[in-house]
Each structure stands twice: as C-alpha cells, then as structure tokens.
Amino acid sequence: MQYPEPIARLIASYMNLPGIGQKTATRLAFYTIDMKDEAVNDFAKSLLSVKRDLTYCSICGNITEDDPCEICADTNRDHSTVLVVEEAKDVMAFEKVQEYRGLYHVLNGVLSPMEGTGPDDINLASLIKRLQDESIKEVIIATNATTEGEATAMYLSRLIKPAGIKVTRLAHGLSVGSDIEYADEVTLSKAVSGRTEL
C-alpha cells in the first residue's frame, strides 16, 4: 500500500536528513501527524527561522544572527590567536568548555580529493586574507583526527608557516577514562608523540 502523497513527501523530506533511513523517516512522519497543530507550527517556524535569520560571519565563517558574529566583535577576546575548525558546531563545543578565549575560523569542510573537495571548496581564502593582519601570532589547527582532517592540517601548516605565524595542532591521543589496552595503534601513536612534561 502506498502512503498518501503528503505523507510520502514528508517521509522523503525526513530521509534527506543525515542518518535517517526509511523506517525512522516513516516513524517521524507519523509522529508529526499526531502532533498538536501548535507544535507543528512551532516546528515549521523553527525550520524557516534557521534558514531566514541565520547567516555566515563575513570574518570567521561561523553561523550567526549578526555580522560580524559576537565572537569576532568581542574586543575582550585574544585577537592574536585563531583556532581553525571544520564546522560551526565545533565552535560551539569549544565555547562550552570556556578554556579558549581567542578567535575562530570555520572552514565549513575539509580537503578530500576522493570526494573532489579542494582548497577552493572550503572557507580558506578568507583565512589567508585574515592572516595578513599582523596582530595574529598563532593559528591553532583543530581539524578532526581523520585522514581528511590530517591532510587539511598539513596543507594549512605548509600554507601558513612561510608567513612567520606560529602554527600549532590540537593534541590527539587517549581520551580521559579510556583503557590503553582498547586503544588502536594510531591513537597510541598520537598519544606518545603528543606527550607533555609533568
């Protein structure tokens, strides 16, 4: 039996979201049908608001309501340090920790030759332009510890170092609370090479 067209369209819409398959999309669609009208209207307004009211910061590339974003506009932050991340959600993760008080730069992706993503496909040109500001003394590369993240980190390092700017990489290794016996070889290798003095 085929679903009525409105349900089929809703299922297809949910399936466009990452990690949502046919079964989950169907369950969500039927859950939506059972929601109160007010809840559905609020949900729809939230979706529209995200697309209408948010933009990317013209300086760092973070998602924001105002341009520039509140982090770039904050004069109390350390403007000599820029932490480079893959996605806007990474900025949110660092801000929750409240340890880092510098600026950010969001690449909105990583280099991935296998997927056809090159330097022109990520937010790289604006980073290079920012680094012409002589007040920036250090760039911290915080891409993920994936093959693509590592390749992007190496590419950025080779691009930035000739300008005389210090380039550092976030430490990688064992997570807090993990057992050494269950760690893979790459994690152990990173933990040894990134060791610090006590």
Protein backbone atom coordinates (compact mmCIF):
# COMPACT_ATOMS: atom_id res chain seq x y z
CA MET A 1 0.00 0.00 0.00
CA GLN A 2 1.28 3.42 -0.91
CA TYR A 3 1.15 6.31 1.51
CA PRO A 4 -0.97 9.36 0.62
CA GLU A 5 1.10 11.98 -1.20
CA PRO A 6 1.53 14.38 1.78
CA ILE A 7 2.88 11.56 3.98
CA ALA A 8 5.15 10.27 1.22
CA ARG A 9 6.58 13.79 0.74
CA LEU A 10 7.14 14.17 4.49
CA ILE A 11 8.88 10.79 4.67
CA ALA A 12 11.09 11.78 1.72
CA SER A 13 11.90 15.09 3.45
CA TYR A 14 12.95 13.34 6.66
CA MET A 15 15.07 10.90 4.65
CA ASN A 16 17.07 13.85 3.31
CA LEU A 17 18.46 14.34 6.83
CA PRO A 18 21.76 12.56 7.60
CA GLY A 19 21.39 9.22 9.37
CA ILE A 20 17.64 8.99 8.78
CA GLY A 21 16.58 5.89 6.88
CA GLN A 22 13.17 4.74 5.61
CA LYS A 23 11.96 3.30 8.94
CA THR A 24 12.99 6.28 11.06
CA ALA A 25 11.60 8.73 8.49
CA THR A 26 8.27 6.89 8.48
CA ARG A 27 8.16 6.87 12.30
CA LEU A 28 8.91 10.63 12.38
CA ALA A 29 6.28 11.35 9.74
CA PHE A 30 3.58 9.55 11.68
CA TYR A 31 4.73 11.20 14.91
CA THR A 32 4.39 14.57 13.16
CA ILE A 33 0.84 13.71 12.09
CA ASP A 34 -0.06 13.03 15.74
CA MET A 35 1.48 16.29 16.99
CA LYS A 36 -0.79 19.15 18.04
CA ASP A 37 -1.22 21.87 15.42
CA GLU A 38 0.60 24.41 17.59
CA ALA A 39 3.62 22.12 17.97
CA VAL A 40 3.76 21.51 14.19
CA ASN A 41 3.52 25.28 13.55
CA ASP A 42 6.35 25.94 16.03
CA PHE A 43 8.45 23.23 14.38
CA ALA A 44 7.84 24.69 10.92
CA LYS A 45 8.64 28.21 12.17
CA SER A 46 11.90 26.96 13.68
CA LEU A 47 12.92 25.42 10.35
CA LEU A 48 12.08 28.61 8.45
CA SER A 49 13.82 30.80 11.03
CA VAL A 50 17.06 28.83 10.77
CA LYS A 51 17.16 29.43 7.02
CA ARG A 52 15.91 33.02 7.10
CA ASP A 53 17.51 34.50 10.23
CA LEU A 54 20.97 32.96 10.22
CA THR A 55 23.95 33.85 8.06
CA TYR A 56 27.68 33.18 8.00
CA CYS A 57 30.03 35.65 9.67
CA SER A 58 31.96 37.51 6.97
CA ILE A 59 35.12 37.33 9.10
CA CYS A 60 35.28 33.81 10.55
CA GLY A 61 32.57 31.86 8.70
CA ASN A 62 30.68 30.89 11.87
CA ILE A 63 26.87 30.73 11.87
CA THR A 64 25.42 33.91 13.32
CA GLU A 65 22.39 36.17 13.54
CA ASP A 66 24.55 39.31 13.28
CA ASP A 67 27.51 40.02 11.02
CA PRO A 68 30.18 40.04 12.33
CA CYS A 69 29.42 37.36 14.90
CA GLU A 70 29.57 38.14 18.62
CA ILE A 71 32.93 36.34 18.98
CA CYS A 72 34.65 38.38 16.24
CA ALA A 73 33.08 41.58 17.60
CA ASP A 74 34.20 40.90 21.20
CA THR A 75 37.12 43.24 21.99
CA ASN A 76 37.89 41.29 25.18
CA ARG A 77 38.96 38.18 23.26
CA ASP A 78 42.57 37.45 22.31
CA HIS A 79 42.79 38.70 18.71
CA SER A 80 46.33 37.32 18.28
CA THR A 81 45.16 33.68 18.16
CA VAL A 82 42.89 31.98 15.62
CA LEU A 83 41.60 28.46 16.17
CA VAL A 84 40.67 26.77 12.86
CA VAL A 85 37.81 24.25 12.96
CA GLU A 86 35.93 22.21 10.36
CA GLU A 87 32.32 23.14 11.20
CA ALA A 88 30.35 25.74 13.17
CA LYS A 89 29.29 23.06 15.66
CA ASP A 90 32.98 22.73 16.61
CA VAL A 91 32.98 26.39 17.71
CA MET A 92 30.02 25.65 19.98
CA ALA A 93 31.91 22.70 21.51
CA PHE A 94 34.96 24.86 22.32
CA GLU A 95 32.79 27.66 23.71
CA LYS A 96 31.08 25.23 26.12
CA VAL A 97 34.45 24.35 27.63
CA GLN A 98 35.28 28.06 28.21
CA GLU A 99 39.04 27.45 28.08
CA TYR A 100 39.81 29.18 24.79
CA ARG A 101 39.44 32.98 24.60
CA GLY A 102 40.82 33.68 21.13
CA LEU A 103 39.11 33.93 17.73
CA TYR A 104 37.90 31.16 15.40
CA HIS A 105 37.87 30.40 11.71
CA VAL A 106 35.35 27.88 10.33
CA LEU A 107 36.45 26.05 7.18
CA ASN A 108 32.98 24.58 6.52
CA GLY A 109 34.60 21.38 5.32
CA VAL A 110 37.96 19.67 4.81
CA LEU A 111 40.15 18.80 1.86
CA SER A 112 39.09 15.48 0.36
CA PRO A 113 40.46 14.66 -3.11
CA MET A 114 38.41 11.42 -3.12
CA GLU A 115 35.21 13.49 -2.88
CA GLY A 116 36.50 16.25 -5.14
CA THR A 117 36.84 18.83 -2.34
CA GLY A 118 39.82 21.09 -2.92
CA PRO A 119 41.12 24.35 -1.40
CA ASP A 120 38.60 26.44 -3.38
CA ASP A 121 35.68 24.43 -1.95
CA ILE A 122 36.26 25.33 1.71
CA ASN A 123 36.46 28.68 3.54
CA LEU A 124 40.21 29.03 3.01
CA ALA A 125 40.63 32.27 1.04
CA SER A 126 39.16 34.37 3.85
CA LEU A 127 41.55 32.71 6.34
CA ILE A 128 44.56 33.66 4.24
CA LYS A 129 43.21 37.21 3.98
CA ARG A 130 42.76 37.38 7.78
CA LEU A 131 46.32 36.23 8.37
CA GLN A 132 47.64 39.34 6.63
CA ASP A 133 46.69 41.16 9.84
CA GLU A 134 49.99 41.43 11.70
CA SER A 135 48.28 41.12 15.10
CA ILE A 136 47.70 37.37 14.52
CA LYS A 137 50.61 35.47 16.07
CA GLU A 138 49.32 31.89 16.27
CA VAL A 139 46.98 29.63 14.32
CA ILE A 140 45.74 26.54 16.18
CA ILE A 141 44.53 23.84 13.79
CA ALA A 142 41.65 21.87 15.31
CA THR A 143 40.51 19.68 12.44
CA ASN A 144 39.34 16.16 13.27
CA ALA A 145 41.82 13.29 13.54
CA THR A 146 40.59 11.74 10.28
CA THR A 147 42.58 11.25 7.09
CA GLU A 148 40.90 14.32 5.59
CA GLY A 149 41.37 16.36 8.79
CA GLU A 150 45.07 15.47 8.96
CA ALA A 151 45.57 16.29 5.26
CA THR A 152 43.85 19.65 5.76
CA ALA A 153 46.02 20.37 8.82
CA MET A 154 49.21 19.61 6.89
CA TYR A 155 48.07 21.74 3.94
CA LEU A 156 47.24 24.68 6.22
CA SER A 157 50.55 24.36 8.05
CA ARG A 158 52.53 24.50 4.79
CA LEU A 159 50.46 27.46 3.65
CA ILE A 160 50.71 29.49 6.87
CA LYS A 161 54.25 28.85 8.22
CA PRO A 162 56.08 30.84 5.50
CA ALA A 163 54.23 33.96 6.75
CA GLY A 164 56.10 33.64 10.06
CA ILE A 165 52.95 32.78 12.04
CA LYS A 166 53.20 30.06 14.70
CA VAL A 167 51.13 27.02 13.68
CA THR A 168 50.06 24.51 16.34
CA ARG A 169 47.82 21.42 16.28
CA LEU A 170 45.46 20.22 18.97
CA ALA A 171 46.83 17.27 20.91
CA HIS A 172 45.42 13.87 19.98
CA GLY A 173 45.62 10.65 21.89
CA LEU A 174 43.93 8.79 24.69
CA SER A 175 40.61 10.13 25.91
CA VAL A 176 40.07 10.63 29.62
CA GLY A 177 38.76 7.48 31.27
CA SER A 178 39.80 5.12 28.46
CA ASP A 179 41.89 1.95 28.87
CA ILE A 180 45.18 1.73 26.98
CA GLU A 181 44.56 -1.91 26.05
CA TYR A 182 41.49 -0.92 23.99
CA ALA A 183 43.13 1.96 22.10
CA ASP A 184 44.05 1.49 18.43
CA GLU A 185 47.59 1.90 17.11
CA VAL A 186 47.02 5.38 15.62
CA THR A 187 45.60 6.70 18.90
CA LEU A 188 48.52 5.28 20.89
CA SER A 189 50.99 6.70 18.39
CA LYS A 190 49.40 10.16 18.67
CA ALA A 191 49.38 9.90 22.47
CA VAL A 192 53.10 9.11 22.58
CA SER A 193 54.12 11.78 20.07
CA GLY A 194 51.91 14.41 21.74
CA ARG A 195 53.09 13.70 25.27
CA THR A 196 53.72 16.62 27.64
CA GLU A 197 56.08 17.09 30.55
CA LEU A 198 54.65 16.76 34.08
